PDB file of N, CA and C in Angstrom:
ATOM      1  N   MET A   1      -3.989 -18.595   2.579  1.00  0.00           N
ATOM      2  CA  MET A   1      -2.601 -18.888   2.756  1.00  0.00           C
ATOM      3  C   MET A   1      -1.850 -17.688   3.666  1.00  0.00           C
ATOM      4  N   LEU A   2      -0.963 -18.331   4.332  1.00  0.00           N
ATOM      5  CA  LEU A   2      -0.146 -17.388   5.467  1.00  0.00           C
ATOM      6  C   LEU A   2       0.963 -17.066   3.925  1.00  0.00           C
ATOM      7  N   LEU A   3       1.208 -15.687   4.155  1.00  0.00           N
ATOM      8  CA  LEU A   3       2.387 -15.377   3.793  1.00  0.00           C
ATOM      9  C   LEU A   3       3.431 -14.353   4.464  1.00  0.00           C
ATOM     10  N   VAL A   4       4.370 -14.488   4.449  1.00  0.00           N
ATOM     11  CA  VAL A   4       5.573 -13.873   6.069  1.00  0.00           C
ATOM     12  C   VAL A   4       6.697 -13.495   4.834  1.00  0.00           C
ATOM     13  N   ASN A   5       7.736 -12.603   5.304  1.00  0.00           N
ATOM     14  CA  ASN A   5       8.704 -12.448   4.618  1.00  0.00           C
ATOM     15  C   ASN A   5       9.674 -12.470   5.460  1.00  0.00           C
ATOM     16  N   THR A   6       9.606 -13.422   6.503  1.00  0.00           N
ATOM     17  CA  THR A   6      10.855 -14.290   7.360  1.00  0.00           C
ATOM     18  C   THR A   6      10.953 -15.428   6.641  1.00  0.00           C
ATOM     19  N   GLU A   7      11.800 -15.959   7.630  1.00  0.00           N
ATOM     20  CA  GLU A   7      12.272 -17.831   7.207  1.00  0.00           C
ATOM     21  C   GLU A   7      11.117 -18.941   7.788  1.00  0.00           C
ATOM     22  N   THR A   8      10.864 -18.239   8.909  1.00  0.00           N
ATOM     23  CA  THR A   8      10.100 -19.465   9.628  1.00  0.00           C
ATOM     24  C   THR A   8       8.699 -18.293  10.273  1.00  0.00           C
ATOM     25  N   ILE A   9       8.053 -19.429  10.565  1.00  0.00           N
ATOM     26  CA  ILE A   9       6.597 -19.063  11.175  1.00  0.00           C
ATOM     27  C   ILE A   9       6.828 -19.727  12.876  1.00  0.00           C
ATOM     28  N   ALA A  10       6.635 -18.844  13.100  1.00  0.00           N
ATOM     29  CA  ALA A  10       6.426 -18.625  14.892  1.00  0.00           C
ATOM     30  C   ALA A  10       5.502 -19.218  15.239  1.00  0.00           C
ATOM     31  N   GLY A  11       6.045 -20.881  15.986  1.00  0.00           N
ATOM     32  CA  GLY A  11       5.222 -21.673  16.356  1.00  0.00           C
ATOM     33  C   GLY A  11       4.872 -23.130  15.608  1.00  0.00           C
ATOM     34  N   LYS A  12       5.347 -22.375  14.495  1.00  0.00           N
ATOM     35  CA  LYS A  12       5.186 -23.943  13.510  1.00  0.00           C
ATOM     36  C   LYS A  12       6.617 -24.164  12.653  1.00  0.00           C
ATOM     37  N   GLU A  13       6.512 -25.449  12.614  1.00  0.00           N
ATOM     38  CA  GLU A  13       7.623 -26.618  11.654  1.00  0.00           C
ATOM     39  C   GLU A  13       6.987 -26.660  10.304  1.00  0.00           C
ATOM     40  N   ILE A  14       8.233 -26.436   9.593  1.00  0.00           N
ATOM     41  CA  ILE A  14       8.090 -26.304   8.624  1.00  0.00           C
ATOM     42  C   ILE A  14       9.005 -26.753   7.686  1.00  0.00           C
ATOM     43  N   GLU A  15       8.134 -27.745   6.413  1.00  0.00           N
ATOM     44  CA  GLU A  15       8.527 -28.510   5.221  1.00  0.00           C
ATOM     45  C   GLU A  15       8.925 -27.556   3.908  1.00  0.00           C
ATOM     46  N   SER A  16      10.167 -27.467   3.590  1.00  0.00           N
ATOM     47  CA  SER A  16       9.855 -26.649   2.430  1.00  0.00           C
ATOM     48  C   SER A  16       9.306 -27.481   1.355  1.00  0.00           C
ATOM     49  N   ILE A  17       8.808 -26.780   0.009  1.00  0.00           N
ATOM     50  CA  ILE A  17       8.492 -27.245  -0.954  1.00  0.00           C
ATOM     51  C   ILE A  17       9.310 -26.718  -2.039  1.00  0.00           C
ATOM     52  N   GLY A  18       8.970 -25.829  -2.390  1.00  0.00           N
ATOM     53  CA  GLY A  18      10.148 -25.665  -3.489  1.00  0.00           C
ATOM     54  C   GLY A  18       9.650 -24.114  -3.476  1.00  0.00           C
ATOM     55  N   LEU A  19      10.704 -23.065  -4.599  1.00  0.00           N
ATOM     56  CA  LEU A  19      10.091 -21.763  -5.107  1.00  0.00           C
ATOM     57  C   LEU A  19       9.287 -21.864  -5.965  1.00  0.00           C
ATOM     58  N   VAL A  20       8.316 -20.404  -5.477  1.00  0.00           N
ATOM     59  CA  VAL A  20       6.915 -20.456  -6.381  1.00  0.00           C
ATOM     60  C   VAL A  20       6.970 -18.780  -6.483  1.00  0.00           C
ATOM     61  N   LYS A  21       6.310 -18.607  -7.742  1.00  0.00           N
ATOM     62  CA  LYS A  21       6.663 -16.815  -8.066  1.00  0.00           C
ATOM     63  C   LYS A  21       5.426 -16.590  -9.232  1.00  0.00           C
ATOM     64  N   GLY A  22       4.777 -15.380  -9.539  1.00  0.00           N
ATOM     65  CA  GLY A  22       4.080 -14.739  -9.911  1.00  0.00           C
ATOM     66  C   GLY A  22       4.475 -13.325 -10.284  1.00  0.00           C
ATOM     67  N   THR A  23       4.636 -13.392 -11.872  1.00  0.00           N
ATOM     68  CA  THR A  23       4.959 -12.142 -12.566  1.00  0.00           C
ATOM     69  C   THR A  23       3.511 -11.377 -12.976  1.00  0.00           C
ATOM     70  N   MET A  24       3.518  -9.865 -13.249  1.00  0.00           N
ATOM     71  CA  MET A  24       2.702  -9.462 -13.988  1.00  0.00           C
ATOM     72  C   MET A  24       3.488  -8.068 -14.845  1.00  0.00           C
ATOM     73  N   VAL A  25       3.166  -8.261 -15.741  1.00  0.00           N
ATOM     74  CA  VAL A  25       3.834  -7.167 -16.888  1.00  0.00           C
ATOM     75  C   VAL A  25       2.672  -6.163 -17.407  1.00  0.00           C
ATOM     76  N   GLN A  26       2.954  -4.703 -16.920  1.00  0.00           N
ATOM     77  CA  GLN A  26       1.435  -3.944 -17.372  1.00  0.00           C
ATOM     78  C   GLN A  26       2.434  -2.582 -18.110  1.00  0.00           C
ATOM     79  N   SER A  27       1.594  -2.319 -19.318  1.00  0.00           N
ATOM     80  CA  SER A  27       2.298  -0.947 -19.704  1.00  0.00           C
ATOM     81  C   SER A  27       1.276   0.159 -19.371  1.00  0.00           C
ATOM     82  N   LYS A  28       1.561   1.118 -19.786  1.00  0.00           N
ATOM     83  CA  LYS A  28       1.189   2.530 -19.330  1.00  0.00           C
ATOM     84  C   LYS A  28       0.241   2.964 -20.380  1.00  0.00           C
ATOM     85  N   ASN A  29      -1.007   3.585 -20.691  1.00  0.00           N
ATOM     86  CA  ASN A  29      -1.626   3.832 -21.379  1.00  0.00           C
ATOM     87  C   ASN A  29      -1.205   5.161 -21.884  1.00  0.00           C
ATOM     88  N   ILE A  30      -1.714   5.597 -23.128  1.00  0.00           N
ATOM     89  CA  ILE A  30      -1.300   6.723 -23.453  1.00  0.00           C
ATOM     90  C   ILE A  30      -1.501   8.155 -22.837  1.00  0.00           C
ATOM     91  N   GLY A  31      -2.504   7.851 -22.695  1.00  0.00           N
ATOM     92  CA  GLY A  31      -3.655   8.850 -21.545  1.00  0.00           C
ATOM     93  C   GLY A  31      -3.272   9.011 -20.356  1.00  0.00           C
ATOM     94  N   ARG A  32      -2.957   7.886 -19.754  1.00  0.00           N
ATOM     95  CA  ARG A  32      -2.246   8.115 -18.224  1.00  0.00           C
ATOM     96  C   ARG A  32      -0.904   8.505 -18.127  1.00  0.00           C
ATOM     97  N   ASP A  33      -0.290   8.050 -19.530  1.00  0.00           N
ATOM     98  CA  ASP A  33       1.026   8.571 -19.648  1.00  0.00           C
ATOM     99  C   ASP A  33       1.456  10.709 -19.651  1.00  0.00           C
ATOM    100  N   ILE A  34       0.317  10.711 -20.484  1.00  0.00           N
ATOM    101  CA  ILE A  34       0.640  12.368 -20.612  1.00  0.00           C
ATOM    102  C   ILE A  34      -0.137  12.878 -19.830  1.00  0.00           C
ATOM    103  N   THR A  35      -1.150  12.517 -18.820  1.00  0.00           N
ATOM    104  CA  THR A  35      -1.501  13.129 -17.309  1.00  0.00           C
ATOM    105  C   THR A  35      -0.600  13.012 -16.462  1.00  0.00           C
ATOM    106  N   GLN A  36       0.263  11.753 -16.367  1.00  0.00           N
ATOM    107  CA  GLN A  36       1.185  11.995 -15.238  1.00  0.00           C
ATOM    108  C   GLN A  36       2.322  12.504 -15.056  1.00  0.00           C
ATOM    109  N   ALA A  37       2.710  12.650 -17.023  1.00  0.00           N
ATOM    110  CA  ALA A  37       3.830  13.586 -17.489  1.00  0.00           C
ATOM    111  C   ALA A  37       3.637  15.258 -16.644  1.00  0.00           C
ATOM    112  N   LEU A  38       2.347  15.515 -17.149  1.00  0.00           N
ATOM    113  CA  LEU A  38       2.016  16.931 -16.728  1.00  0.00           C
ATOM    114  C   LEU A  38       2.427  17.232 -15.298  1.00  0.00           C
ATOM    115  N   LYS A  39       1.668  16.091 -14.526  1.00  0.00           N
ATOM    116  CA  LYS A  39       1.741  16.374 -13.034  1.00  0.00           C
ATOM    117  C   LYS A  39       3.048  16.191 -12.504  1.00  0.00           C
ATOM    118  N   SER A  40       3.874  15.398 -13.052  1.00  0.00           N
ATOM    119  CA  SER A  40       5.567  15.276 -12.499  1.00  0.00           C
ATOM    120  C   SER A  40       6.193  17.068 -13.032  1.00  0.00           C
ATOM    121  N   LEU A  41       5.548  18.168 -13.709  1.00  0.00           N
ATOM    122  CA  LEU A  41       6.334  19.461 -13.666  1.00  0.00           C
ATOM    123  C   LEU A  41       5.401  19.734 -12.189  1.00  0.00           C
ATOM    124  N   VAL A  42       4.890  19.568 -12.247  1.00  0.00           N
ATOM    125  CA  VAL A  42       4.667  20.319 -10.801  1.00  0.00           C
ATOM    126  C   VAL A  42       4.890  19.577  -9.459  1.00  0.00           C
ATOM    127  N   GLY A  43       5.460  18.404  -9.528  1.00  0.00           N
ATOM    128  CA  GLY A  43       5.830  17.435  -8.542  1.00  0.00           C
ATOM    129  C   GLY A  43       4.834  16.627  -7.548  1.00  0.00           C
ATOM    130  N   GLY A  44       4.711  15.985  -6.978  1.00  0.00           N
ATOM    131  CA  GLY A  44       4.165  15.084  -6.319  1.00  0.00           C
ATOM    132  C   GLY A  44       3.895  13.822  -7.143  1.00  0.00           C
ATOM    133  N   GLU A  45       2.694  13.062  -5.822  1.00  0.00           N
ATOM    134  CA  GLU A  45       2.972  11.962  -6.090  1.00  0.00           C
ATOM    135  C   GLU A  45       1.962  11.435  -7.822  1.00  0.00           C
ATOM    136  N   LEU A  46       2.455  10.295  -8.767  1.00  0.00           N
ATOM    137  CA  LEU A  46       1.733  10.104  -9.510  1.00  0.00           C
ATOM    138  C   LEU A  46       1.261   8.901  -9.571  1.00  0.00           C
ATOM    139  N   THR A  47      -0.052   9.250  -8.729  1.00  0.00           N
ATOM    140  CA  THR A  47      -1.245   8.262  -8.264  1.00  0.00           C
ATOM    141  C   THR A  47      -1.668   7.791  -9.425  1.00  0.00           C
ATOM    142  N   ALA A  48      -1.562   7.943 -10.588  1.00  0.00           N
ATOM    143  CA  ALA A  48      -2.298   6.489 -11.621  1.00  0.00           C
ATOM    144  C   ALA A  48      -1.189   5.498 -11.640  1.00  0.00           C
ATOM    145  N   TYR A  49      -0.204   6.316 -11.363  1.00  0.00           N
ATOM    146  CA  TYR A  49       1.285   5.015 -11.541  1.00  0.00           C
ATOM    147  C   TYR A  49       1.547   4.125 -10.186  1.00  0.00           C
ATOM    148  N   THR A  50       1.020   4.676  -9.366  1.00  0.00           N
ATOM    149  CA  THR A  50       0.801   4.285  -8.134  1.00  0.00           C
ATOM    150  C   THR A  50       0.115   2.996  -7.917  1.00  0.00           C
ATOM    151  N   GLU A  51      -1.382   3.742  -8.408  1.00  0.00           N
ATOM    152  CA  GLU A  51      -2.626   2.425  -8.620  1.00  0.00           C
ATOM    153  C   GLU A  51      -2.014   1.464  -9.545  1.00  0.00           C
ATOM    154  N   MET A  52      -1.414   1.759 -10.761  1.00  0.00           N
ATOM    155  CA  MET A  52      -0.799   0.372 -11.631  1.00  0.00           C
ATOM    156  C   MET A  52       0.074  -0.488 -11.152  1.00  0.00           C
ATOM    157  N   MET A  53       0.971   0.081 -10.037  1.00  0.00           N
ATOM    158  CA  MET A  53       1.684  -0.655 -10.083  1.00  0.00           C
ATOM    159  C   MET A  53       1.138  -1.416  -8.543  1.00  0.00           C
ATOM    160  N   ASN A  54       0.111  -1.084  -7.754  1.00  0.00           N
ATOM    161  CA  ASN A  54      -0.458  -1.660  -6.732  1.00  0.00           C
ATOM    162  C   ASN A  54      -1.145  -2.859  -7.030  1.00  0.00           C
ATOM    163  N   GLU A  55      -2.375  -2.720  -8.534  1.00  0.00           N
ATOM    164  CA  GLU A  55      -2.565  -3.939  -8.953  1.00  0.00           C
ATOM    165  C   GLU A  55      -1.674  -4.749  -9.285  1.00  0.00           C
ATOM    166  N   SER A  56      -0.577  -4.525  -9.641  1.00  0.00           N
ATOM    167  CA  SER A  56       0.527  -5.562 -10.795  1.00  0.00           C
ATOM    168  C   SER A  56       1.021  -6.165  -9.260  1.00  0.00           C
ATOM    169  N   ARG A  57       1.297  -5.542  -7.931  1.00  0.00           N
ATOM    170  CA  ARG A  57       1.759  -6.607  -7.182  1.00  0.00           C
ATOM    171  C   ARG A  57       0.756  -7.389  -6.703  1.00  0.00           C
ATOM    172  N   ASP A  58      -0.640  -7.103  -6.679  1.00  0.00           N
ATOM    173  CA  ASP A  58      -1.774  -8.335  -6.059  1.00  0.00           C
ATOM    174  C   ASP A  58      -1.661  -9.055  -6.949  1.00  0.00           C
ATOM    175  N   ILE A  59      -1.517  -8.788  -8.084  1.00  0.00           N
ATOM    176  CA  ILE A  59      -1.802  -9.737  -9.479  1.00  0.00           C
ATOM    177  C   ILE A  59      -1.025 -10.594  -9.301  1.00  0.00           C
ATOM    178  N   ALA A  60       0.470 -10.131  -9.350  1.00  0.00           N
ATOM    179  CA  ALA A  60       1.932 -10.918  -9.182  1.00  0.00           C
ATOM    180  C   ALA A  60       1.461 -12.100  -7.783  1.00  0.00           C
ATOM    181  N   THR A  61       1.501 -11.467  -6.625  1.00  0.00           N
ATOM    182  CA  THR A  61       1.124 -11.924  -5.319  1.00  0.00           C
ATOM    183  C   THR A  61       0.261 -13.135  -5.545  1.00  0.00           C
ATOM    184  N   GLN A  62      -1.147 -12.937  -5.853  1.00  0.00           N
ATOM    185  CA  GLN A  62      -2.094 -13.728  -6.612  1.00  0.00           C
ATOM    186  C   GLN A  62      -1.982 -14.925  -7.371  1.00  0.00           C
ATOM    187  N   ARG A  63      -0.817 -14.545  -8.329  1.00  0.00           N
ATOM    188  CA  ARG A  63      -0.127 -16.095  -9.308  1.00  0.00           C
ATOM    189  C   ARG A  63       0.727 -16.549  -8.426  1.00  0.00           C
ATOM    190  N   MET A  64       1.494 -16.126  -7.835  1.00  0.00           N
ATOM    191  CA  MET A  64       2.581 -16.824  -7.067  1.00  0.00           C
ATOM    192  C   MET A  64       1.097 -17.999  -5.645  1.00  0.00           C
ATOM    193  N   VAL A  65       0.325 -17.620  -5.345  1.00  0.00           N
ATOM    194  CA  VAL A  65      -0.477 -17.821  -4.007  1.00  0.00           C
ATOM    195  C   VAL A  65      -0.925 -19.201  -5.191  1.00  0.00           C
ATOM    196  N   GLU A  66      -1.092 -18.825  -6.228  1.00  0.00           N
ATOM    197  CA  GLU A  66      -2.207 -20.002  -6.963  1.00  0.00           C
ATOM    198  C   GLU A  66      -0.989 -21.154  -7.312  1.00  0.00           C
ATOM    199  N   GLU A  67       0.359 -20.805  -7.424  1.00  0.00           N
ATOM    200  CA  GLU A  67       1.153 -21.450  -7.650  1.00  0.00           C
ATOM    201  C   GLU A  67       1.805 -22.441  -6.718  1.00  0.00           C
ATOM    202  N   ALA A  68       1.357 -22.019  -5.782  1.00  0.00           N
ATOM    203  CA  ALA A  68       2.045 -22.171  -3.904  1.00  0.00           C
ATOM    204  C   ALA A  68       0.420 -23.061  -3.624  1.00  0.00           C
ATOM    205  N   GLU A  69      -0.428 -23.376  -4.209  1.00  0.00           N
ATOM    206  CA  GLU A  69      -1.776 -23.933  -3.766  1.00  0.00           C
ATOM    207  C   GLU A  69      -1.831 -25.095  -4.782  1.00  0.00           C
ATOM    208  N   LYS A  70      -1.043 -25.212  -6.107  1.00  0.00           N
ATOM    209  CA  LYS A  70      -1.148 -26.381  -6.669  1.00  0.00           C
ATOM    210  C   LYS A  70      -0.029 -27.014  -6.370  1.00  0.00           C
ATOM    211  N   LEU A  71       0.479 -26.671  -5.510  1.00  0.00           N
ATOM    212  CA  LEU A  71       1.717 -27.532  -5.150  1.00  0.00           C
ATOM    213  C   LEU A  71       1.223 -28.040  -3.500  1.00  0.00           C
ATOM    214  N   GLY A  72       0.301 -27.896  -3.158  1.00  0.00           N
ATOM    215  CA  GLY A  72      -0.088 -28.095  -1.362  1.00  0.00           C
ATOM    216  C   GLY A  72       0.560 -27.357  -0.669  1.00  0.00           C
ATOM    217  N   ALA A  73       0.436 -26.128  -0.807  1.00  0.00           N
ATOM    218  CA  ALA A  73       1.480 -25.713   0.404  1.00  0.00           C
ATOM    219  C   ALA A  73       0.290 -25.312   1.264  1.00  0.00           C
ATOM    220  N   ASP A  74       0.752 -25.027   2.671  1.00  0.00           N
ATOM    221  CA  ASP A  74      -0.094 -24.036   3.386  1.00  0.00           C
ATOM    222  C   ASP A  74       0.150 -22.705   3.571  1.00  0.00           C
ATOM    223  N   ALA A  75       1.798 -22.263   3.104  1.00  0.00           N
ATOM    224  CA  ALA A  75       1.820 -20.932   3.319  1.00  0.00           C
ATOM    225  C   ALA A  75       3.371 -20.525   2.460  1.00  0.00           C
ATOM    226  N   ILE A  76       3.581 -19.162   2.470  1.00  0.00           N
ATOM    227  CA  ILE A  76       4.611 -19.018   1.587  1.00  0.00           C
ATOM    228  C   ILE A  76       5.708 -18.157   2.511  1.00  0.00           C
ATOM    229  N   VAL A  77       6.768 -18.460   2.740  1.00  0.00           N
ATOM    230  CA  VAL A  77       7.747 -17.607   3.540  1.00  0.00           C
ATOM    231  C   VAL A  77       8.740 -17.252   2.686  1.00  0.00           C
ATOM    232  N   ASN A  78       9.653 -16.255   3.427  1.00  0.00           N
ATOM    233  CA  ASN A  78      10.667 -14.990   2.510  1.00  0.00           C
ATOM    234  C   ASN A  78      10.269 -14.826   1.309  1.00  0.00           C
ATOM    235  N   VAL A  79       9.445 -14.333   1.511  1.00  0.00           N
ATOM    236  CA  VAL A  79       7.950 -13.656   0.213  1.00  0.00           C
ATOM    237  C   VAL A  79       8.996 -12.133   0.019  1.00  0.00           C
ATOM    238  N   ARG A  80       9.263 -11.994  -1.444  1.00  0.00           N
ATOM    239  CA  ARG A  80      10.187 -10.628  -1.855  1.00  0.00           C
ATOM    240  C   ARG A  80       9.489 -10.542  -2.977  1.00  0.00           C
ATOM    241  N   TYR A  81       9.305  -9.280  -3.245  1.00  0.00           N
ATOM    242  CA  TYR A  81       9.183  -8.695  -4.469  1.00  0.00           C
ATOM    243  C   TYR A  81      10.240  -8.031  -4.968  1.00  0.00           C
ATOM    244  N   ALA A  82      10.125  -7.953  -6.646  1.00  0.00           N
ATOM    245  CA  ALA A  82      11.307  -7.395  -7.303  1.00  0.00           C
ATOM    246  C   ALA A  82      10.494  -6.391  -8.743  1.00  0.00           C
ATOM    247  N   SER A  83      11.026  -5.800  -9.198  1.00  0.00           N
ATOM    248  CA  SER A  83      10.909  -5.044 -10.264  1.00  0.00           C
ATOM    249  C   SER A  83      11.549  -4.618 -11.042  1.00  0.00           C
ATOM    250  N   SER A  84      11.089  -4.007 -11.985  1.00  0.00           N
ATOM    251  CA  SER A  84      11.938  -4.049 -13.460  1.00  0.00           C
ATOM    252  C   SER A  84      11.441  -3.496 -14.544  1.00  0.00           C
ATOM    253  N   SER A  85      11.631  -2.437 -15.660  1.00  0.00           N
ATOM    254  CA  SER A  85      11.813  -2.015 -16.694  1.00  0.00           C
ATOM    255  C   SER A  85      11.851  -2.676 -17.715  1.00  0.00           C
ATOM    256  N   ILE A  86      10.842  -3.861 -18.866  1.00  0.00           N
ATOM    257  CA  ILE A  86      10.693  -4.687 -19.865  1.00  0.00           C
ATOM    258  C   ILE A  86      11.333  -3.581 -21.118  1.00  0.00           C
ATOM    259  N   MET A  87      10.640  -2.597 -20.692  1.00  0.00           N
ATOM    260  CA  MET A  87      10.764  -1.750 -22.501  1.00  0.00           C
ATOM    261  C   MET A  87      10.391  -0.260 -21.800  1.00  0.00           C
ATOM    262  N   LYS A  88      10.146   0.467 -22.629  1.00  0.00           N
ATOM    263  CA  LYS A  88      10.103   1.899 -22.152  1.00  0.00           C
ATOM    264  C   LYS A  88       9.055   1.957 -21.590  1.00  0.00           C
ATOM    265  N   ALA A  89       7.836   1.659 -21.984  1.00  0.00           N
ATOM    266  CA  ALA A  89       6.444   1.727 -21.239  1.00  0.00           C
ATOM    267  C   ALA A  89       6.418   0.456 -20.792  1.00  0.00           C
ATOM    268  N   SER A  90       6.737   0.196 -19.755  1.00  0.00           N
ATOM    269  CA  SER A  90       6.291  -1.276 -19.208  1.00  0.00           C
ATOM    270  C   SER A  90       7.101  -1.517 -18.292  1.00  0.00           C
ATOM    271  N   SER A  91       6.448  -2.104 -17.358  1.00  0.00           N
ATOM    272  CA  SER A  91       7.031  -2.256 -16.073  1.00  0.00           C
ATOM    273  C   SER A  91       6.936  -4.261 -15.853  1.00  0.00           C
ATOM    274  N   GLU A  92       7.887  -4.727 -15.085  1.00  0.00           N
ATOM    275  CA  GLU A  92       7.362  -6.087 -14.668  1.00  0.00           C
ATOM    276  C   GLU A  92       7.152  -6.116 -12.927  1.00  0.00           C
ATOM    277  N   ILE A  93       6.705  -7.006 -12.523  1.00  0.00           N
ATOM    278  CA  ILE A  93       6.436  -6.737 -10.602  1.00  0.00           C
ATOM    279  C   ILE A  93       6.512  -8.164 -10.656  1.00  0.00           C
ATOM    280  N   LEU A  94       7.814  -8.815 -10.217  1.00  0.00           N
ATOM    281  CA  LEU A  94       7.844 -10.264  -9.401  1.00  0.00           C
ATOM    282  C   LEU A  94       7.691 -10.559  -8.539  1.00  0.00           C
ATOM    283  N   ALA A  95       6.916 -11.256  -7.724  1.00  0.00           N
ATOM    284  CA  ALA A  95       6.819 -11.749  -6.768  1.00  0.00           C
ATOM    285  C   ALA A  95       6.821 -13.312  -6.146  1.00  0.00           C
ATOM    286  N   TYR A  96       7.344 -13.727  -5.393  1.00  0.00           N
ATOM    287  CA  TYR A  96       8.600 -14.698  -5.140  1.00  0.00           C
ATOM    288  C   TYR A  96       9.026 -15.450  -4.041  1.00  0.00           C
ATOM    289  N   GLY A  97       8.902 -16.378  -3.255  1.00  0.00           N
ATOM    290  CA  GLY A  97       9.179 -16.910  -1.948  1.00  0.00           C
ATOM    291  C   GLY A  97       9.192 -18.444  -2.353  1.00  0.00           C
ATOM    292  N   THR A  98       9.229 -18.711  -0.783  1.00  0.00           N
ATOM    293  CA  THR A  98       9.430 -20.184  -0.678  1.00  0.00           C
ATOM    294  C   THR A  98       8.353 -21.342  -0.348  1.00  0.00           C
ATOM    295  N   ALA A  99       7.803 -21.639  -1.074  1.00  0.00           N
ATOM    296  CA  ALA A  99       6.067 -23.062  -0.255  1.00  0.00           C
ATOM    297  C   ALA A  99       6.682 -24.070   0.619  1.00  0.00           C
ATOM    298  N   VAL A 100       5.828 -24.121   1.801  1.00  0.00           N
ATOM    299  CA  VAL A 100       6.155 -24.193   2.429  1.00  0.00           C
ATOM    300  C   VAL A 100       4.948 -25.269   3.202  1.00  0.00           C
ATOM    301  N   LYS A 101       5.376 -26.623   3.708  1.00  0.00           N
ATOM    302  CA  LYS A 101       3.912 -27.109   4.117  1.00  0.00           C
ATOM    303  C   LYS A 101       4.191 -27.204   5.918  1.00  0.00           C
ATOM    304  N   PHE A 102       2.900 -27.212   6.801  1.00  0.00           N
ATOM    305  CA  PHE A 102       3.550 -27.088   7.760  1.00  0.00           C
ATOM    306  C   PHE A 102       3.214 -28.990   8.390  1.00  0.00           C
ATOM    307  N   LYS A 103       3.789 -29.187   9.392  1.00  0.00           N
ATOM    308  CA  LYS A 103       4.763 -30.514   9.310  1.00  0.00           C
ATOM    309  C   LYS A 103       3.715 -30.564  10.775  1.00  0.00           C
TER     310      LYS A 103
END
């Protein structure tokens, strides 16, 4: 499955199928929360959170691709990501785009 963040794909004529999306809501565990809180005292990257968000993005992307595949799509254009806090200890990642078929 081809994923692009542009509205078109060079050299391809496309037909829009529809919006597809994938989501992932992940919470922090207490151990990770404590170690990252201590790390924030001295500064620097909070690697456990970076890893958690990267994993969440990968899962949300895979869910979006699976939805597009069910529609028979060849690609997803205009791929975007959004994140939000659901509650104090959890975040949502949303991957979305337009599923297309090649003509």
